[in-house]
Amino acid sequence: MELSTKYFDKISVSEKDIIRFEHGLFGFETLKEHILISFEPGNDNLMCLQSVQDSELAFILMNPFNLKKDYSPILTDSDIRELEIKDDTEGVLYYAVCVVKDDVSESTVNLKCPLVINPQSQAAKQLILDDERYSFRHSLQKLMEGDV
């Protein structure tokens, strides 16, 4: 199918490319279907999560492990069931939502509420981590400099 996107004009996507958030994203609970688009093919450092239902809604995502080497989100048993993870969490994808400002030095990354995607089932969920090390607004600049 053809999909209009915020950053990539029109693209062709397959039904198997659609990621489903059973509960939606925080603040966007009714929009449950999205696709992941890499800004640089073969590189998951910077991704776009594009809504299938709303062509103007797209989130900039970053791989949190590339920003913070000791990042260690923990999935609960409930998360594992909802994400349809069968045996092992290896291969599960994690992304942090990035709020990009005109002044890039003011951009932030939300490490408190990562998106978790099971690429096997295309089930996805946004978590709220119960870990004081992570906040909703980490400075992107400080993360890139290794100061966090």
N, C-alpha and C. Protein backbone atom coordinates (compact mmCIF):
# COMPACT_ATOMS: atom_id res chain seq x y z
N MET A 1 0.84 -1.19 0.00
CA MET A 1 0.00 0.00 0.00
C MET A 1 0.88 1.24 0.00
N GLU A 2 0.33 2.33 -0.51
CA GLU A 2 1.02 3.62 -0.51
C GLU A 2 0.70 4.34 0.78
N LEU A 3 1.72 4.96 1.37
CA LEU A 3 1.55 5.67 2.62
C LEU A 3 2.17 7.05 2.51
N SER A 4 1.38 8.09 2.80
CA SER A 4 1.92 9.44 2.85
C SER A 4 2.61 9.61 4.20
N THR A 5 3.80 10.22 4.18
CA THR A 5 4.56 10.36 5.42
C THR A 5 4.95 11.82 5.64
N LYS A 6 5.34 12.13 6.84
CA LYS A 6 5.73 13.49 7.20
C LYS A 6 7.08 13.87 6.61
N TYR A 7 8.04 12.94 6.62
CA TYR A 7 9.41 13.27 6.22
C TYR A 7 9.86 12.61 4.91
N PHE A 8 9.13 11.63 4.41
CA PHE A 8 9.60 10.84 3.26
C PHE A 8 8.64 10.85 2.08
N ASP A 9 7.73 11.80 2.01
CA ASP A 9 6.71 11.86 0.95
C ASP A 9 5.89 10.58 0.97
N LYS A 10 5.64 10.00 -0.20
CA LYS A 10 4.88 8.75 -0.28
C LYS A 10 5.85 7.57 -0.38
N ILE A 11 5.52 6.52 0.37
CA ILE A 11 6.34 5.31 0.31
C ILE A 11 5.42 4.10 0.19
N SER A 12 5.96 3.01 -0.30
CA SER A 12 5.23 1.75 -0.36
C SER A 12 5.56 0.93 0.87
N VAL A 13 4.53 0.43 1.51
CA VAL A 13 4.72 -0.43 2.68
C VAL A 13 3.84 -1.66 2.55
N SER A 14 4.30 -2.70 3.17
CA SER A 14 3.55 -3.95 3.21
C SER A 14 2.84 -4.06 4.55
N GLU A 15 1.78 -4.79 4.59
CA GLU A 15 1.05 -5.03 5.84
C GLU A 15 1.99 -5.60 6.91
N LYS A 16 2.96 -6.41 6.50
CA LYS A 16 3.89 -7.02 7.46
C LYS A 16 4.85 -6.00 8.08
N ASP A 17 4.94 -4.79 7.49
CA ASP A 17 5.80 -3.74 8.02
C ASP A 17 5.13 -2.94 9.15
N ILE A 18 3.84 -3.12 9.33
CA ILE A 18 3.10 -2.32 10.29
C ILE A 18 3.34 -2.84 11.71
N ILE A 19 3.73 -1.91 12.57
CA ILE A 19 3.95 -2.19 13.99
C ILE A 19 2.69 -1.78 14.72
N ARG A 20 2.24 -2.65 15.62
CA ARG A 20 0.98 -2.39 16.32
C ARG A 20 1.21 -2.17 17.82
N PHE A 21 0.82 -0.98 18.27
CA PHE A 21 0.84 -0.62 19.69
C PHE A 21 -0.57 -0.83 20.20
N GLU A 22 -0.79 -1.91 20.95
CA GLU A 22 -2.14 -2.24 21.43
C GLU A 22 -2.77 -1.08 22.19
N HIS A 23 -1.98 -0.36 22.96
CA HIS A 23 -2.49 0.75 23.76
C HIS A 23 -2.13 2.11 23.18
N GLY A 24 -1.58 2.14 21.98
CA GLY A 24 -1.13 3.39 21.39
C GLY A 24 0.08 3.93 22.12
N LEU A 25 0.44 5.15 21.83
CA LEU A 25 1.54 5.85 22.51
C LEU A 25 0.93 6.86 23.47
N PHE A 26 1.67 7.22 24.51
CA PHE A 26 1.16 8.17 25.49
C PHE A 26 0.77 9.47 24.79
N GLY A 27 -0.47 9.86 24.97
CA GLY A 27 -0.97 11.07 24.33
C GLY A 27 -1.56 10.83 22.95
N PHE A 28 -1.34 9.63 22.40
CA PHE A 28 -1.83 9.28 21.05
C PHE A 28 -2.42 7.87 21.08
N GLU A 29 -3.25 7.61 22.08
CA GLU A 29 -3.74 6.26 22.34
C GLU A 29 -4.60 5.68 21.22
N THR A 30 -5.22 6.52 20.40
CA THR A 30 -6.09 6.02 19.34
C THR A 30 -5.32 5.64 18.07
N LEU A 31 -4.07 6.08 17.97
CA LEU A 31 -3.26 5.79 16.78
C LEU A 31 -2.36 4.60 17.11
N LYS A 32 -2.75 3.45 16.65
CA LYS A 32 -2.10 2.21 17.08
C LYS A 32 -1.18 1.58 16.04
N GLU A 33 -1.27 2.01 14.80
CA GLU A 33 -0.46 1.42 13.73
C GLU A 33 0.59 2.40 13.23
N HIS A 34 1.82 1.93 13.18
CA HIS A 34 2.95 2.76 12.77
C HIS A 34 3.92 1.93 11.95
N ILE A 35 4.82 2.60 11.27
CA ILE A 35 5.93 1.92 10.61
C ILE A 35 7.23 2.60 11.02
N LEU A 36 8.29 1.83 11.03
CA LEU A 36 9.63 2.35 11.31
C LEU A 36 10.33 2.62 10.00
N ILE A 37 10.92 3.81 9.88
CA ILE A 37 11.67 4.16 8.67
C ILE A 37 13.03 4.67 9.12
N SER A 38 14.06 4.11 8.55
CA SER A 38 15.41 4.55 8.89
C SER A 38 15.76 5.79 8.07
N PHE A 39 16.36 6.77 8.74
CA PHE A 39 16.83 7.95 8.02
C PHE A 39 18.06 7.61 7.19
N GLU A 40 18.78 6.57 7.61
CA GLU A 40 19.96 6.09 6.88
C GLU A 40 19.84 4.57 6.78
N PRO A 41 19.53 4.03 5.60
CA PRO A 41 19.32 2.59 5.47
C PRO A 41 20.44 1.77 6.11
N GLY A 42 20.02 0.76 6.88
CA GLY A 42 20.97 -0.12 7.53
C GLY A 42 21.51 0.40 8.85
N ASN A 43 21.01 1.58 9.29
CA ASN A 43 21.49 2.19 10.52
C ASN A 43 20.29 2.49 11.40
N ASP A 44 20.28 1.95 12.64
CA ASP A 44 19.14 2.17 13.53
C ASP A 44 19.40 3.24 14.57
N ASN A 45 20.43 4.06 14.38
CA ASN A 45 20.71 5.14 15.33
C ASN A 45 19.63 6.20 15.33
N LEU A 46 19.10 6.51 14.17
CA LEU A 46 18.09 7.56 14.03
C LEU A 46 16.97 7.02 13.14
N MET A 47 15.78 6.93 13.72
CA MET A 47 14.65 6.33 13.02
C MET A 47 13.46 7.29 13.06
N CYS A 48 12.51 7.01 12.20
CA CYS A 48 11.25 7.73 12.20
C CYS A 48 10.15 6.71 12.48
N LEU A 49 9.29 7.01 13.44
CA LEU A 49 8.11 6.20 13.68
C LEU A 49 6.94 6.97 13.09
N GLN A 50 6.46 6.50 11.96
CA GLN A 50 5.42 7.18 11.20
C GLN A 50 4.07 6.52 11.47
N SER A 51 3.09 7.33 11.83
CA SER A 51 1.73 6.82 12.01
C SER A 51 1.16 6.42 10.65
N VAL A 52 0.48 5.29 10.63
CA VAL A 52 -0.20 4.84 9.42
C VAL A 52 -1.51 5.62 9.25
N GLN A 53 -2.15 5.94 10.37
CA GLN A 53 -3.45 6.60 10.32
C GLN A 53 -3.38 8.11 10.12
N ASP A 54 -2.26 8.74 10.48
CA ASP A 54 -2.13 10.20 10.40
C ASP A 54 -0.79 10.55 9.76
N SER A 55 -0.82 10.98 8.51
CA SER A 55 0.43 11.22 7.78
C SER A 55 1.27 12.34 8.38
N GLU A 56 0.68 13.22 9.17
CA GLU A 56 1.42 14.32 9.78
C GLU A 56 2.03 13.96 11.13
N LEU A 57 1.74 12.75 11.64
CA LEU A 57 2.27 12.36 12.94
C LEU A 57 3.45 11.39 12.76
N ALA A 58 4.60 11.88 13.13
CA ALA A 58 5.82 11.07 13.05
C ALA A 58 6.72 11.47 14.21
N PHE A 59 7.37 10.48 14.80
CA PHE A 59 8.28 10.71 15.92
C PHE A 59 9.70 10.40 15.50
N ILE A 60 10.63 11.19 15.99
CA ILE A 60 12.05 10.93 15.77
C ILE A 60 12.50 10.02 16.92
N LEU A 61 13.10 8.90 16.56
CA LEU A 61 13.55 7.92 17.55
C LEU A 61 15.06 7.75 17.47
N MET A 62 15.64 7.43 18.61
CA MET A 62 17.08 7.14 18.65
C MET A 62 17.29 5.83 19.38
N ASN A 63 18.34 5.12 19.00
CA ASN A 63 18.71 3.90 19.69
C ASN A 63 19.32 4.30 21.04
N PRO A 64 18.66 3.99 22.15
CA PRO A 64 19.15 4.46 23.44
C PRO A 64 20.48 3.84 23.86
N PHE A 65 20.77 2.64 23.37
CA PHE A 65 22.01 1.96 23.73
C PHE A 65 23.22 2.64 23.10
N ASN A 66 23.01 3.35 22.00
CA ASN A 66 24.10 4.09 21.37
C ASN A 66 24.32 5.44 22.04
N LEU A 67 23.33 5.88 22.82
CA LEU A 67 23.45 7.14 23.54
C LEU A 67 23.98 6.95 24.96
N LYS A 68 23.58 5.84 25.57
CA LYS A 68 23.93 5.56 26.96
C LYS A 68 24.27 4.08 27.07
N LYS A 69 25.56 3.81 27.10
CA LYS A 69 26.04 2.42 27.03
C LYS A 69 25.49 1.54 28.14
N ASP A 70 25.22 2.11 29.33
CA ASP A 70 24.72 1.30 30.44
C ASP A 70 23.19 1.31 30.54
N TYR A 71 22.51 1.72 29.49
CA TYR A 71 21.05 1.74 29.48
C TYR A 71 20.55 0.31 29.67
N SER A 72 19.67 0.11 30.63
CA SER A 72 19.23 -1.25 30.92
C SER A 72 17.76 -1.31 31.31
N PRO A 73 16.86 -1.13 30.34
CA PRO A 73 15.44 -1.24 30.63
C PRO A 73 15.08 -2.69 30.96
N ILE A 74 14.13 -2.87 31.86
CA ILE A 74 13.72 -4.21 32.27
C ILE A 74 12.26 -4.41 31.90
N LEU A 75 11.99 -5.50 31.20
CA LEU A 75 10.62 -5.86 30.83
C LEU A 75 9.99 -6.68 31.95
N THR A 76 8.74 -6.38 32.27
CA THR A 76 8.00 -7.18 33.25
C THR A 76 7.42 -8.40 32.55
N ASP A 77 6.92 -9.34 33.32
CA ASP A 77 6.25 -10.52 32.73
C ASP A 77 5.06 -10.08 31.88
N SER A 78 4.35 -9.07 32.34
CA SER A 78 3.21 -8.54 31.59
C SER A 78 3.67 -7.95 30.25
N ASP A 79 4.78 -7.21 30.26
CA ASP A 79 5.32 -6.65 29.01
C ASP A 79 5.66 -7.77 28.04
N ILE A 80 6.29 -8.81 28.55
CA ILE A 80 6.70 -9.94 27.70
C ILE A 80 5.48 -10.60 27.07
N ARG A 81 4.41 -10.75 27.82
CA ARG A 81 3.18 -11.34 27.27
C ARG A 81 2.58 -10.41 26.21
N GLU A 82 2.46 -9.12 26.53
CA GLU A 82 1.86 -8.17 25.60
C GLU A 82 2.65 -8.06 24.30
N LEU A 83 3.96 -8.17 24.41
CA LEU A 83 4.82 -8.07 23.23
C LEU A 83 4.97 -9.40 22.49
N GLU A 84 4.32 -10.43 23.03
CA GLU A 84 4.34 -11.76 22.41
C GLU A 84 5.75 -12.31 22.26
N ILE A 85 6.58 -12.07 23.26
CA ILE A 85 7.94 -12.58 23.26
C ILE A 85 7.89 -14.02 23.75
N LYS A 86 8.40 -14.93 22.95
CA LYS A 86 8.28 -16.36 23.26
C LYS A 86 9.37 -16.87 24.19
N ASP A 87 10.62 -16.80 23.76
CA ASP A 87 11.69 -17.46 24.50
C ASP A 87 12.69 -16.51 25.13
N ASP A 88 13.13 -15.53 24.38
CA ASP A 88 14.24 -14.71 24.80
C ASP A 88 13.99 -13.27 24.35
N THR A 89 14.46 -12.32 25.11
CA THR A 89 14.27 -10.92 24.72
C THR A 89 15.33 -10.42 23.75
N GLU A 90 16.30 -11.29 23.42
CA GLU A 90 17.30 -10.88 22.43
C GLU A 90 16.62 -10.67 21.09
N GLY A 91 16.98 -9.61 20.43
CA GLY A 91 16.35 -9.28 19.14
C GLY A 91 15.22 -8.29 19.29
N VAL A 92 14.78 -8.05 20.52
CA VAL A 92 13.75 -7.04 20.76
C VAL A 92 14.39 -5.67 20.57
N LEU A 93 13.67 -4.76 19.93
CA LEU A 93 14.18 -3.43 19.62
C LEU A 93 13.71 -2.41 20.63
N TYR A 94 14.59 -1.50 21.00
CA TYR A 94 14.27 -0.42 21.92
C TYR A 94 14.60 0.90 21.24
N TYR A 95 13.70 1.88 21.39
CA TYR A 95 13.95 3.21 20.87
C TYR A 95 13.48 4.25 21.88
N ALA A 96 14.16 5.37 21.90
CA ALA A 96 13.80 6.50 22.74
C ALA A 96 13.29 7.62 21.85
N VAL A 97 12.22 8.26 22.28
CA VAL A 97 11.66 9.38 21.54
C VAL A 97 12.53 10.61 21.77
N CYS A 98 12.86 11.28 20.68
CA CYS A 98 13.70 12.47 20.72
C CYS A 98 12.85 13.68 20.33
N VAL A 99 12.95 14.73 21.12
CA VAL A 99 12.28 15.99 20.78
C VAL A 99 13.37 16.90 20.23
N VAL A 100 13.31 17.13 18.92
CA VAL A 100 14.32 17.93 18.24
C VAL A 100 13.86 19.39 18.21
N LYS A 101 14.71 20.25 18.73
CA LYS A 101 14.42 21.69 18.77
C LYS A 101 15.19 22.39 17.65
N ASP A 102 14.74 23.60 17.30
CA ASP A 102 15.46 24.39 16.29
C ASP A 102 16.91 24.58 16.71
N ASP A 103 17.10 24.87 17.99
CA ASP A 103 18.45 24.93 18.55
C ASP A 103 18.75 23.52 19.04
N VAL A 104 19.52 22.78 18.25
CA VAL A 104 19.76 21.35 18.53
C VAL A 104 20.30 21.13 19.94
N SER A 105 21.00 22.09 20.49
CA SER A 105 21.55 21.93 21.84
C SER A 105 20.44 21.84 22.89
N GLU A 106 19.22 22.21 22.53
CA GLU A 106 18.09 22.13 23.45
C GLU A 106 17.25 20.86 23.24
N SER A 107 17.65 20.01 22.32
CA SER A 107 16.92 18.77 22.04
C SER A 107 17.05 17.81 23.21
N THR A 108 15.99 17.01 23.40
CA THR A 108 15.97 16.06 24.52
C THR A 108 15.60 14.66 24.04
N VAL A 109 15.93 13.69 24.90
CA VAL A 109 15.62 12.29 24.63
C VAL A 109 14.93 11.73 25.87
N ASN A 110 13.84 11.01 25.64
CA ASN A 110 13.07 10.41 26.73
C ASN A 110 13.55 8.98 26.96
N LEU A 111 14.43 8.79 27.95
CA LEU A 111 14.90 7.44 28.29
C LEU A 111 13.99 6.77 29.31
N LYS A 112 13.06 7.51 29.87
CA LYS A 112 12.13 7.00 30.88
C LYS A 112 11.04 6.14 30.25
N CYS A 113 10.66 6.46 29.02
CA CYS A 113 9.52 5.80 28.36
C CYS A 113 9.91 5.25 27.00
N PRO A 114 10.78 4.24 26.97
CA PRO A 114 11.20 3.72 25.66
C PRO A 114 10.06 2.99 24.93
N LEU A 115 10.21 2.94 23.63
CA LEU A 115 9.33 2.11 22.81
C LEU A 115 10.03 0.77 22.66
N VAL A 116 9.27 -0.31 22.81
CA VAL A 116 9.81 -1.65 22.70
C VAL A 116 9.05 -2.36 21.59
N ILE A 117 9.79 -2.97 20.67
CA ILE A 117 9.17 -3.61 19.51
C ILE A 117 9.70 -5.03 19.39
N ASN A 118 8.77 -5.96 19.25
CA ASN A 118 9.14 -7.34 18.96
C ASN A 118 9.06 -7.50 17.44
N PRO A 119 10.18 -7.57 16.74
CA PRO A 119 10.14 -7.64 15.28
C PRO A 119 9.55 -8.95 14.75
N GLN A 120 9.47 -9.96 15.59
CA GLN A 120 8.88 -11.23 15.17
C GLN A 120 7.37 -11.10 15.02
N SER A 121 6.72 -10.47 15.98
CA SER A 121 5.26 -10.35 15.98
C SER A 121 4.77 -8.97 15.54
N GLN A 122 5.68 -8.00 15.46
CA GLN A 122 5.37 -6.60 15.18
C GLN A 122 4.52 -5.97 16.29
N ALA A 123 4.46 -6.62 17.45
CA ALA A 123 3.79 -6.04 18.62
C ALA A 123 4.74 -5.03 19.25
N ALA A 124 4.17 -3.93 19.75
CA ALA A 124 4.99 -2.87 20.34
C ALA A 124 4.28 -2.27 21.54
N LYS A 125 5.09 -1.64 22.38
CA LYS A 125 4.55 -1.03 23.60
C LYS A 125 5.47 0.10 24.02
N GLN A 126 4.87 1.14 24.60
CA GLN A 126 5.66 2.18 25.24
C GLN A 126 5.65 1.91 26.74
N LEU A 127 6.84 1.84 27.33
CA LEU A 127 6.97 1.55 28.75
C LEU A 127 7.14 2.83 29.55
N ILE A 128 6.93 2.73 30.85
CA ILE A 128 7.37 3.74 31.81
C ILE A 128 8.28 2.99 32.77
N LEU A 129 9.57 3.26 32.70
CA LEU A 129 10.53 2.55 33.53
C LEU A 129 10.53 3.10 34.95
N ASP A 130 10.52 2.18 35.90
CA ASP A 130 10.60 2.53 37.31
C ASP A 130 12.07 2.53 37.71
N ASP A 131 12.79 3.51 37.19
CA ASP A 131 14.23 3.59 37.41
C ASP A 131 14.62 5.05 37.47
N GLU A 132 15.12 5.49 38.60
CA GLU A 132 15.44 6.90 38.81
C GLU A 132 16.60 7.40 37.95
N ARG A 133 17.35 6.50 37.33
CA ARG A 133 18.46 6.93 36.48
C ARG A 133 17.98 7.57 35.18
N TYR A 134 16.73 7.32 34.82
CA TYR A 134 16.21 7.78 33.54
C TYR A 134 15.15 8.84 33.74
N SER A 135 15.19 9.86 32.87
CA SER A 135 14.19 10.92 32.95
C SER A 135 13.49 11.07 31.60
N PHE A 136 12.48 11.92 31.61
CA PHE A 136 11.71 12.19 30.40
C PHE A 136 12.47 13.12 29.45
N ARG A 137 13.43 13.89 29.97
CA ARG A 137 14.12 14.89 29.16
C ARG A 137 15.63 14.90 29.42
N HIS A 138 16.31 13.92 28.91
CA HIS A 138 17.77 13.93 28.96
C HIS A 138 18.26 14.86 27.84
N SER A 139 19.25 15.63 28.12
CA SER A 139 19.84 16.50 27.11
C SER A 139 20.52 15.63 26.04
N LEU A 140 20.10 15.78 24.79
CA LEU A 140 20.71 15.04 23.71
C LEU A 140 22.19 15.41 23.59
N GLN A 141 22.49 16.68 23.73
CA GLN A 141 23.87 17.13 23.61
C GLN A 141 24.75 16.45 24.67
N LYS A 142 24.28 16.42 25.92
CA LYS A 142 25.07 15.79 26.99
C LYS A 142 25.22 14.28 26.75
N LEU A 143 24.15 13.63 26.26
CA LEU A 143 24.25 12.20 25.95
C LEU A 143 25.29 11.95 24.86
N MET A 144 25.28 12.81 23.85
CA MET A 144 26.21 12.65 22.73
C MET A 144 27.66 12.88 23.20
N GLU A 145 27.81 13.75 24.18
CA GLU A 145 29.15 14.03 24.72
C GLU A 145 29.56 13.03 25.80
N GLY A 146 28.63 12.14 26.18
CA GLY A 146 28.93 11.15 27.21
C GLY A 146 28.90 11.71 28.62
N ASP A 147 28.22 12.85 28.82
CA ASP A 147 28.18 13.49 30.13
C ASP A 147 27.04 13.01 31.02
N VAL A 148 26.25 12.06 30.56
CA VAL A 148 25.09 11.62 31.36
C VAL A 148 25.29 10.18 31.78
